Amino acid sequence: MPVIVYFLALAVFALTTSEFMVAGMMPSLAHALNVSVSEVGYLISYYAGGMVIGGPVLMLALLNVSRKRALLVLIGVYTIGQSVAAAATTYEIMVVGRILCGVAASACFGIALAICAQMVAPGKVARSAAIVISGLMFATVFGVPAATALEQAFGWRFVFWLVAAMTAASGVLLAITLPASRVDQRTSALAELVALKNGRLWAAYGTSALIIGATFAAFSYFSPILLNVSGYDASTIPLLLMLYGAATVVGNFIVGRLADRHTMQVLFWGQVILTAALVAFAILGQLKPVALGALILIGLTGVALNPAMVARVIKSASASPLVNTVHASVINIGLFAGSALGGLGISLDFGMRAPLWVGAGLAVIGVLSVVPLVLKERSGTETVKGVGALQSECV
């Protein structure tokens, strides 16, 4: 695997740490910016909004720029946005910095995955994607907790500047190691948008949104569920969440190994396991061993199915940066839709298990979305085997 793939993972690690680290320093930011804790929470939403809306627009503007130059420009924009947030003296300045970061992050994800697909053999696309995406997993397991600890020791500005420096460092590494590239064929924004008029591509996008929505409907409320339903002590919650994060890392690499050759099978069985884990958690969550097992299974599937989602999207359309950037936007829509629906279930007095049932429902729809393709793939395999057997008989 080219070493550049690991440098791309480092960039993704920095980007994802920046996205979610706000959750661990809400009281400090609220005090420093003179706003409520809920308004600090909106900083994550502003970041995600930049990813969903701004990312594809920025990617269209960079269509006729070489991929190396485009990636370095995006990392530069991200570093500027992170620096603006680090230097912010008012809430409004912080919002501007977060939106800039979100816009650049979405396009960075898209072009990083496009570069991976371009640099490795066709049979290793999912494996390279798994390495890049592992930056996201490691950020949730190590980056965000480390950011919280550093914030408590040195203050929130130190952490923001540190992430900005890490992002800039990854840009320097990529500037040195990434081979120069050129634009093979100039294209227009209209031509790229026409390429998105692909039913199979949007079906793939839909499945990705359902998988992430199902996962985050539950994950967003793991802490209160583990406390109030499973009866775990508050002191064990960080350890359980780290265990979940470790499971996502392991699952990501397993899926990356299998997804190139067995894309649809991995998506089907992964969602079946995810559904079973969510249902078991909802029904028997009061039993600690069941809750723990379900937590691990959700980690091994759920977000960890990302390499298979990427492989399916690329097979459905292409590895173009715009296709991957829109995919990142759709995934973020699924993330926040799942979280919102899970919270709605609780607010409507359906109980603390409601997010688990919401997640299970979305996962079932996700399974159904790939069943026709799995059956079609199996039918095609059986036809090929039949033809091969007939040819052998003739010989």
Protein backbone atom coordinates (compact mmCIF):
# COMPACT_ATOMS: atom_id res chain seq x y z
CA MET A 1 0.00 0.00 0.00
CA PRO A 2 1.53 3.38 -0.97
CA VAL A 3 2.74 5.37 2.04
CA ILE A 4 0.72 8.35 0.77
CA VAL A 5 -2.46 6.50 1.76
CA TYR A 6 -1.31 6.67 5.40
CA PHE A 7 -0.57 10.40 5.10
CA LEU A 8 -4.12 10.86 3.80
CA ALA A 9 -5.35 8.96 6.86
CA LEU A 10 -3.40 11.41 9.04
CA ALA A 11 -5.19 14.32 7.38
CA VAL A 12 -8.57 12.65 7.95
CA PHE A 13 -7.59 12.05 11.60
CA ALA A 14 -6.96 15.78 12.08
CA LEU A 15 -10.17 16.76 10.29
CA THR A 16 -12.39 14.39 12.29
CA THR A 17 -10.78 15.30 15.61
CA SER A 18 -11.60 18.95 14.86
CA GLU A 19 -15.20 18.10 13.95
CA PHE A 20 -16.11 16.32 17.19
CA MET A 21 -13.69 17.71 19.80
CA VAL A 22 -16.10 20.56 20.54
CA ALA A 23 -18.32 18.05 22.36
CA GLY A 24 -15.61 17.53 24.99
CA MET A 25 -14.95 21.22 25.71
CA MET A 26 -18.47 22.71 25.74
CA PRO A 27 -18.29 24.38 29.20
CA SER A 28 -14.98 26.11 28.41
CA LEU A 29 -16.16 27.35 25.00
CA ALA A 30 -19.49 28.52 26.44
CA HIS A 31 -17.66 30.56 29.10
CA ALA A 32 -15.04 31.94 26.69
CA LEU A 33 -17.54 32.95 23.99
CA ASN A 34 -20.23 34.05 26.46
CA VAL A 35 -22.94 31.77 25.01
CA SER A 36 -25.02 28.84 26.25
CA VAL A 37 -23.87 25.23 26.08
CA SER A 38 -26.58 24.48 23.49
CA GLU A 39 -25.19 27.22 21.24
CA VAL A 40 -21.76 25.61 21.50
CA GLY A 41 -23.38 22.36 20.42
CA TYR A 42 -24.53 24.09 17.26
CA LEU A 43 -20.86 24.50 16.28
CA ILE A 44 -20.88 20.81 15.31
CA SER A 45 -24.02 21.41 13.26
CA TYR A 46 -22.44 24.39 11.47
CA TYR A 47 -19.45 22.21 10.61
CA ALA A 48 -21.72 19.47 9.25
CA GLY A 49 -23.78 22.03 7.32
CA GLY A 50 -20.61 23.22 5.63
CA MET A 51 -19.82 19.62 4.69
CA VAL A 52 -23.28 18.90 3.28
CA ILE A 53 -23.79 22.09 1.26
CA GLY A 54 -20.43 23.75 0.75
CA GLY A 55 -18.29 20.67 0.04
CA PRO A 56 -19.85 19.71 -3.33
CA VAL A 57 -19.95 23.37 -4.42
CA LEU A 58 -16.25 23.83 -3.66
CA MET A 59 -15.45 20.56 -5.43
CA LEU A 60 -17.21 21.81 -8.57
CA ALA A 61 -15.02 24.92 -8.46
CA LEU A 62 -11.91 22.71 -8.38
CA LEU A 63 -12.96 20.35 -11.20
CA ASN A 64 -10.26 21.49 -13.62
CA VAL A 65 -7.48 21.65 -11.04
CA SER A 66 -5.08 18.73 -10.67
CA ARG A 67 -5.95 16.45 -7.75
CA LYS A 68 -2.71 17.15 -5.89
CA ARG A 69 -3.13 20.91 -6.16
CA ALA A 70 -6.83 20.70 -5.27
CA LEU A 71 -6.08 18.62 -2.16
CA LEU A 72 -3.39 21.04 -1.01
CA VAL A 73 -5.72 24.01 -1.58
CA LEU A 74 -8.41 22.31 0.50
CA ILE A 75 -5.98 21.52 3.32
CA GLY A 76 -4.89 25.15 3.19
CA VAL A 77 -8.49 26.36 3.46
CA TYR A 78 -9.07 23.97 6.35
CA THR A 79 -5.97 25.22 8.17
CA ILE A 80 -7.16 28.81 7.73
CA GLY A 81 -10.64 27.91 9.04
CA GLN A 82 -9.16 26.10 12.04
CA SER A 83 -6.87 29.07 12.74
CA VAL A 84 -9.82 31.49 12.58
CA ALA A 85 -11.64 29.32 15.13
CA ALA A 86 -8.54 29.12 17.35
CA ALA A 87 -8.19 32.90 17.38
CA ALA A 88 -11.94 33.57 17.75
CA THR A 89 -12.92 36.17 20.34
CA THR A 90 -16.66 36.05 19.56
CA TYR A 91 -19.16 33.31 18.80
CA GLU A 92 -19.77 34.67 15.29
CA ILE A 93 -16.08 34.42 14.37
CA MET A 94 -16.01 30.86 15.69
CA VAL A 95 -19.02 30.00 13.49
CA VAL A 96 -17.22 31.36 10.41
CA GLY A 97 -14.18 29.22 11.20
CA ARG A 98 -16.28 26.09 11.72
CA ILE A 99 -18.18 26.56 8.45
CA LEU A 100 -14.90 27.04 6.55
CA CYS A 101 -13.57 23.83 8.10
CA GLY A 102 -16.72 21.89 7.19
CA VAL A 103 -16.70 23.06 3.57
CA ALA A 104 -13.04 22.07 3.13
CA ALA A 105 -13.42 18.76 5.04
CA SER A 106 -16.15 17.35 2.79
CA ALA A 107 -14.19 18.08 -0.38
CA CYS A 108 -11.00 16.71 1.28
CA PHE A 109 -12.72 13.39 1.95
CA GLY A 110 -13.92 13.21 -1.64
CA ILE A 111 -10.59 13.96 -3.27
CA ALA A 112 -8.60 11.79 -0.82
CA LEU A 113 -10.70 8.74 -1.73
CA ALA A 114 -10.41 9.61 -5.45
CA ILE A 115 -6.60 9.76 -5.13
CA CYS A 116 -6.59 6.38 -3.37
CA ALA A 117 -8.65 4.77 -6.12
CA GLN A 118 -6.28 6.24 -8.71
CA MET A 119 -3.09 5.04 -6.99
CA VAL A 120 -3.92 1.40 -6.19
CA ALA A 121 -4.92 -1.63 -8.24
CA PRO A 122 -8.69 -2.07 -8.84
CA GLY A 123 -8.81 -4.97 -6.40
CA LYS A 124 -7.43 -2.86 -3.55
CA VAL A 125 -9.71 0.19 -3.68
CA ALA A 126 -11.71 -0.81 -0.59
CA ARG A 127 -8.54 -1.68 1.34
CA SER A 128 -6.99 1.72 0.61
CA ALA A 129 -10.30 3.41 1.50
CA ALA A 130 -10.34 1.48 4.79
CA ILE A 131 -6.91 2.90 5.68
CA VAL A 132 -7.96 6.47 4.86
CA ILE A 133 -11.24 6.07 6.76
CA SER A 134 -9.34 4.59 9.73
CA GLY A 135 -8.24 8.16 10.39
CA LEU A 136 -11.88 8.87 11.23
CA MET A 137 -12.08 5.82 13.53
CA PHE A 138 -8.84 6.61 15.37
CA ALA A 139 -10.00 10.20 15.82
CA THR A 140 -13.11 9.06 17.70
CA VAL A 141 -11.14 6.53 19.80
CA PHE A 142 -8.02 8.59 20.58
CA GLY A 143 -8.19 12.05 19.00
CA VAL A 144 -11.32 13.40 20.70
CA PRO A 145 -10.49 12.01 24.21
CA ALA A 146 -6.92 13.35 23.86
CA ALA A 147 -8.28 16.75 22.78
CA THR A 148 -10.53 16.81 25.86
CA ALA A 149 -7.62 15.95 28.17
CA LEU A 150 -5.35 18.57 26.59
CA GLU A 151 -8.10 21.18 26.81
CA GLN A 152 -8.41 20.57 30.54
CA ALA A 153 -4.64 20.94 30.95
CA PHE A 154 -3.79 23.77 28.52
CA GLY A 155 -7.06 25.37 27.44
CA TRP A 156 -9.23 25.14 24.33
CA ARG A 157 -7.17 27.54 22.20
CA PHE A 158 -4.11 25.33 22.57
CA VAL A 159 -6.05 22.34 21.22
CA PHE A 160 -7.48 24.32 18.28
CA TRP A 161 -4.00 25.58 17.32
CA LEU A 162 -2.58 22.06 17.74
CA VAL A 163 -5.13 20.62 15.29
CA ALA A 164 -4.40 23.45 12.86
CA ALA A 165 -0.68 22.60 13.07
CA MET A 166 -1.41 18.90 12.56
CA THR A 167 -3.50 19.66 9.48
CA ALA A 168 -0.77 21.91 8.05
CA ALA A 169 1.84 19.21 8.74
CA SER A 170 -0.20 16.62 6.84
CA GLY A 171 -0.40 19.09 3.95
CA VAL A 172 3.39 19.50 3.90
CA LEU A 173 3.88 15.72 3.92
CA LEU A 174 1.45 15.30 1.02
CA ALA A 175 3.06 18.18 -0.90
CA ILE A 176 6.41 16.37 -0.66
CA THR A 177 5.28 12.78 -1.27
CA LEU A 178 2.23 12.98 -3.53
CA PRO A 179 3.25 12.66 -7.20
CA ALA A 180 2.45 15.61 -9.42
CA SER A 181 -0.70 15.10 -11.44
CA ARG A 182 -2.40 16.90 -14.26
CA VAL A 183 -5.94 17.29 -15.52
CA ASP A 184 -6.30 14.64 -18.23
CA GLN A 185 -9.47 16.10 -19.71
CA ARG A 186 -11.10 19.39 -18.90
CA THR A 187 -14.73 19.13 -17.91
CA SER A 188 -17.57 21.44 -16.95
CA ALA A 189 -19.69 21.60 -13.84
CA LEU A 190 -22.74 20.72 -15.96
CA ALA A 191 -21.03 17.57 -17.28
CA GLU A 192 -20.17 16.46 -13.74
CA LEU A 193 -23.68 17.12 -12.53
CA VAL A 194 -25.08 15.10 -15.44
CA ALA A 195 -22.82 12.23 -14.35
CA LEU A 196 -24.69 12.25 -11.04
CA LYS A 197 -27.94 11.38 -12.88
CA ASN A 198 -27.37 7.71 -12.18
CA GLY A 199 -30.04 5.63 -10.47
CA ARG A 200 -27.60 2.97 -9.23
CA LEU A 201 -25.40 5.69 -7.70
CA TRP A 202 -28.27 7.26 -5.76
CA ALA A 203 -29.38 3.82 -4.61
CA ALA A 204 -25.87 3.35 -3.22
CA TYR A 205 -26.03 6.79 -1.59
CA GLY A 206 -29.37 5.86 -0.04
CA THR A 207 -28.03 2.67 1.51
CA SER A 208 -25.05 4.58 2.95
CA ALA A 209 -27.35 7.19 4.52
CA LEU A 210 -29.52 4.44 6.05
CA ILE A 211 -26.52 2.60 7.54
CA ILE A 212 -25.06 5.74 9.12
CA GLY A 213 -28.51 6.95 10.20
CA ALA A 214 -29.24 3.62 11.91
CA THR A 215 -25.88 3.69 13.68
CA PHE A 216 -26.04 7.28 14.92
CA ALA A 217 -29.69 7.03 15.97
CA ALA A 218 -28.36 4.65 18.64
CA PHE A 219 -24.78 5.92 19.13
CA SER A 220 -25.86 9.49 19.85
CA TYR A 221 -27.69 8.25 22.95
CA PHE A 222 -25.40 5.42 24.08
CA SER A 223 -24.44 7.20 27.32
CA PRO A 224 -27.98 7.69 28.72
CA ILE A 225 -29.05 4.26 27.45
CA LEU A 226 -26.13 2.52 29.14
CA LEU A 227 -26.78 4.47 32.33
CA ASN A 228 -30.57 4.30 32.57
CA VAL A 229 -31.43 1.05 30.75
CA SER A 230 -28.40 -1.18 31.24
CA GLY A 231 -27.53 0.13 34.69
CA TYR A 232 -23.84 0.72 34.08
CA ASP A 233 -22.03 3.06 36.45
CA ALA A 234 -21.19 6.51 35.07
CA SER A 235 -17.48 5.89 35.61
CA THR A 236 -17.53 2.95 33.14
CA ILE A 237 -19.18 4.87 30.26
CA PRO A 238 -15.91 6.32 28.83
CA LEU A 239 -14.38 2.83 28.83
CA LEU A 240 -17.42 1.37 27.06
CA LEU A 241 -17.33 4.12 24.42
CA MET A 242 -13.62 3.48 23.86
CA LEU A 243 -14.43 -0.22 23.45
CA TYR A 244 -17.04 0.72 20.84
CA GLY A 245 -14.47 2.88 19.07
CA ALA A 246 -11.93 0.05 19.08
CA ALA A 247 -14.58 -2.25 17.54
CA THR A 248 -15.13 0.26 14.72
CA VAL A 249 -11.39 0.24 13.96
CA VAL A 250 -11.29 -3.58 13.82
CA GLY A 251 -14.49 -3.78 11.77
CA ASN A 252 -13.21 -1.14 9.34
CA PHE A 253 -10.11 -3.18 8.49
CA ILE A 254 -12.07 -6.46 8.23
CA VAL A 255 -14.58 -4.85 5.86
CA GLY A 256 -11.73 -3.28 3.89
CA ARG A 257 -10.25 -6.73 3.32
CA LEU A 258 -13.53 -8.23 2.08
CA ALA A 259 -15.34 -5.38 0.36
CA ASP A 260 -13.48 -5.32 -2.98
CA ARG A 261 -14.50 -8.86 -3.94
CA HIS A 262 -17.74 -9.23 -1.94
CA THR A 263 -19.18 -5.71 -1.81
CA MET A 264 -22.90 -6.52 -1.77
CA GLN A 265 -22.53 -9.56 0.49
CA VAL A 266 -20.62 -7.47 3.04
CA LEU A 267 -23.26 -4.72 2.94
CA PHE A 268 -26.09 -7.25 3.28
CA TRP A 269 -24.70 -9.34 6.14
CA GLY A 270 -23.22 -6.31 7.87
CA GLN A 271 -26.65 -4.67 8.02
CA VAL A 272 -28.28 -7.92 9.12
CA ILE A 273 -25.85 -8.10 12.07
CA LEU A 274 -26.40 -4.40 12.80
CA THR A 275 -30.18 -4.90 12.84
CA ALA A 276 -29.94 -7.95 15.11
CA ALA A 277 -27.64 -6.09 17.53
CA LEU A 278 -29.96 -3.07 17.72
CA VAL A 279 -33.06 -5.24 18.27
CA ALA A 280 -31.29 -7.30 20.97
CA PHE A 281 -30.12 -4.09 22.65
CA ALA A 282 -33.67 -2.67 22.57
CA ILE A 283 -35.32 -5.83 23.96
CA LEU A 284 -32.67 -7.07 26.40
CA GLY A 285 -30.66 -3.93 27.05
CA GLN A 286 -31.30 -4.21 30.79
CA LEU A 287 -28.91 -7.19 30.82
CA LYS A 288 -25.35 -5.88 30.96
CA PRO A 289 -23.74 -8.74 28.94
CA VAL A 290 -26.31 -8.30 26.15
CA ALA A 291 -25.78 -4.53 26.12
CA LEU A 292 -22.00 -5.02 25.95
CA GLY A 293 -22.25 -7.58 23.13
CA ALA A 294 -24.64 -5.39 21.16
CA LEU A 295 -22.33 -2.39 21.62
CA ILE A 296 -19.39 -4.34 20.15
CA LEU A 297 -21.45 -5.70 17.22
CA ILE A 298 -22.73 -2.22 16.35
CA GLY A 299 -19.11 -1.07 16.33
CA LEU A 300 -17.96 -3.97 14.13
CA THR A 301 -20.68 -3.15 11.57
CA GLY A 302 -22.34 0.29 11.38
CA VAL A 303 -19.74 2.95 10.61
CA ALA A 304 -17.20 0.20 9.88
CA LEU A 305 -19.10 -0.64 6.66
CA ASN A 306 -17.70 2.56 5.12
CA PRO A 307 -15.14 0.80 2.85
CA ALA A 308 -17.94 -1.33 1.35
CA MET A 309 -20.09 1.78 0.85
CA VAL A 310 -17.19 3.50 -0.95
CA ALA A 311 -16.52 0.43 -3.11
CA ARG A 312 -20.18 0.25 -4.13
CA VAL A 313 -20.32 3.96 -5.00
CA ILE A 314 -17.19 3.71 -7.15
CA LYS A 315 -18.52 0.60 -8.92
CA SER A 316 -21.85 2.35 -9.51
CA ALA A 317 -20.37 5.49 -11.05
CA SER A 318 -16.69 6.41 -10.85
CA ALA A 319 -13.98 7.45 -8.43
CA SER A 320 -14.35 11.13 -9.30
CA PRO A 321 -13.86 13.61 -6.44
CA LEU A 322 -17.36 15.03 -6.91
CA VAL A 323 -19.00 11.59 -6.62
CA ASN A 324 -17.11 10.93 -3.37
CA THR A 325 -17.76 14.44 -2.02
CA VAL A 326 -21.52 14.09 -2.56
CA HIS A 327 -21.27 10.69 -0.87
CA ALA A 328 -19.69 12.35 2.19
CA SER A 329 -22.50 14.92 2.19
CA VAL A 330 -25.19 12.22 2.01
CA ILE A 331 -23.53 10.33 4.87
CA ASN A 332 -23.64 13.48 7.01
CA ILE A 333 -27.32 13.92 6.20
CA GLY A 334 -27.91 10.34 7.36
CA LEU A 335 -25.89 11.00 10.52
CA PHE A 336 -27.93 13.99 11.62
CA ALA A 337 -31.25 12.54 10.47
CA GLY A 338 -30.59 9.43 12.56
CA SER A 339 -29.59 11.48 15.61
CA ALA A 340 -32.64 13.72 15.24
CA LEU A 341 -35.07 10.81 14.84
CA GLY A 342 -33.58 9.05 17.87
CA GLY A 343 -34.02 12.21 19.95
CA LEU A 344 -37.56 12.67 18.64
CA GLY A 345 -38.45 9.20 19.90
CA ILE A 346 -37.31 10.15 23.39
CA SER A 347 -39.06 13.55 23.32
CA LEU A 348 -42.34 11.84 22.35
CA ASP A 349 -42.12 9.78 25.55
CA PHE A 350 -41.41 6.44 23.87
CA GLY A 351 -38.67 5.83 26.44
CA MET A 352 -34.90 5.64 26.43
CA ARG A 353 -34.95 2.55 24.17
CA ALA A 354 -36.64 4.53 21.37
CA PRO A 355 -33.33 5.44 19.61
CA LEU A 356 -32.46 1.74 19.41
CA TRP A 357 -35.79 0.95 17.76
CA VAL A 358 -35.38 3.89 15.38
CA GLY A 359 -31.92 2.57 14.46
CA ALA A 360 -33.28 -0.93 13.96
CA GLY A 361 -36.03 0.38 11.67
CA LEU A 362 -33.54 2.29 9.52
CA ALA A 363 -31.26 -0.75 9.41
CA VAL A 364 -34.14 -2.97 8.21
CA ILE A 365 -34.83 -0.54 5.36
CA GLY A 366 -31.12 -0.62 4.59
CA VAL A 367 -31.15 -4.43 4.38
CA LEU A 368 -34.17 -4.36 2.08
CA SER A 369 -32.41 -1.81 -0.15
CA VAL A 370 -29.65 -4.30 -1.04
CA VAL A 371 -31.67 -7.54 -1.17
CA PRO A 372 -32.57 -7.25 -4.90
CA LEU A 373 -28.92 -6.64 -5.79
CA VAL A 374 -27.71 -9.56 -3.65
CA LEU A 375 -30.26 -11.87 -5.30
CA LYS A 376 -29.30 -10.60 -8.75
CA GLU A 377 -25.61 -11.12 -7.99
CA ARG A 378 -26.27 -14.65 -6.72
CA SER A 379 -28.38 -15.46 -9.77
CA GLY A 380 -25.59 -14.23 -12.05
CA THR A 381 -23.02 -16.34 -10.21
CA GLU A 382 -25.16 -19.46 -10.54
CA THR A 383 -25.63 -18.78 -14.27
CA VAL A 384 -21.87 -18.45 -14.77
CA LYS A 385 -21.30 -21.71 -12.89
CA GLY A 386 -23.94 -23.45 -15.01
CA VAL A 387 -22.36 -22.26 -18.24
CA GLY A 388 -18.95 -23.37 -17.01
CA ALA A 389 -20.25 -26.84 -16.13
CA LEU A 390 -21.93 -27.16 -19.53
CA GLN A 391 -18.71 -26.19 -21.29
CA SER A 392 -16.83 -28.80 -19.27
CA GLU A 393 -19.34 -31.47 -20.31
CA CYS A 394 -18.93 -30.49 -23.96
CA VAL A 395 -15.15 -30.76 -23.68
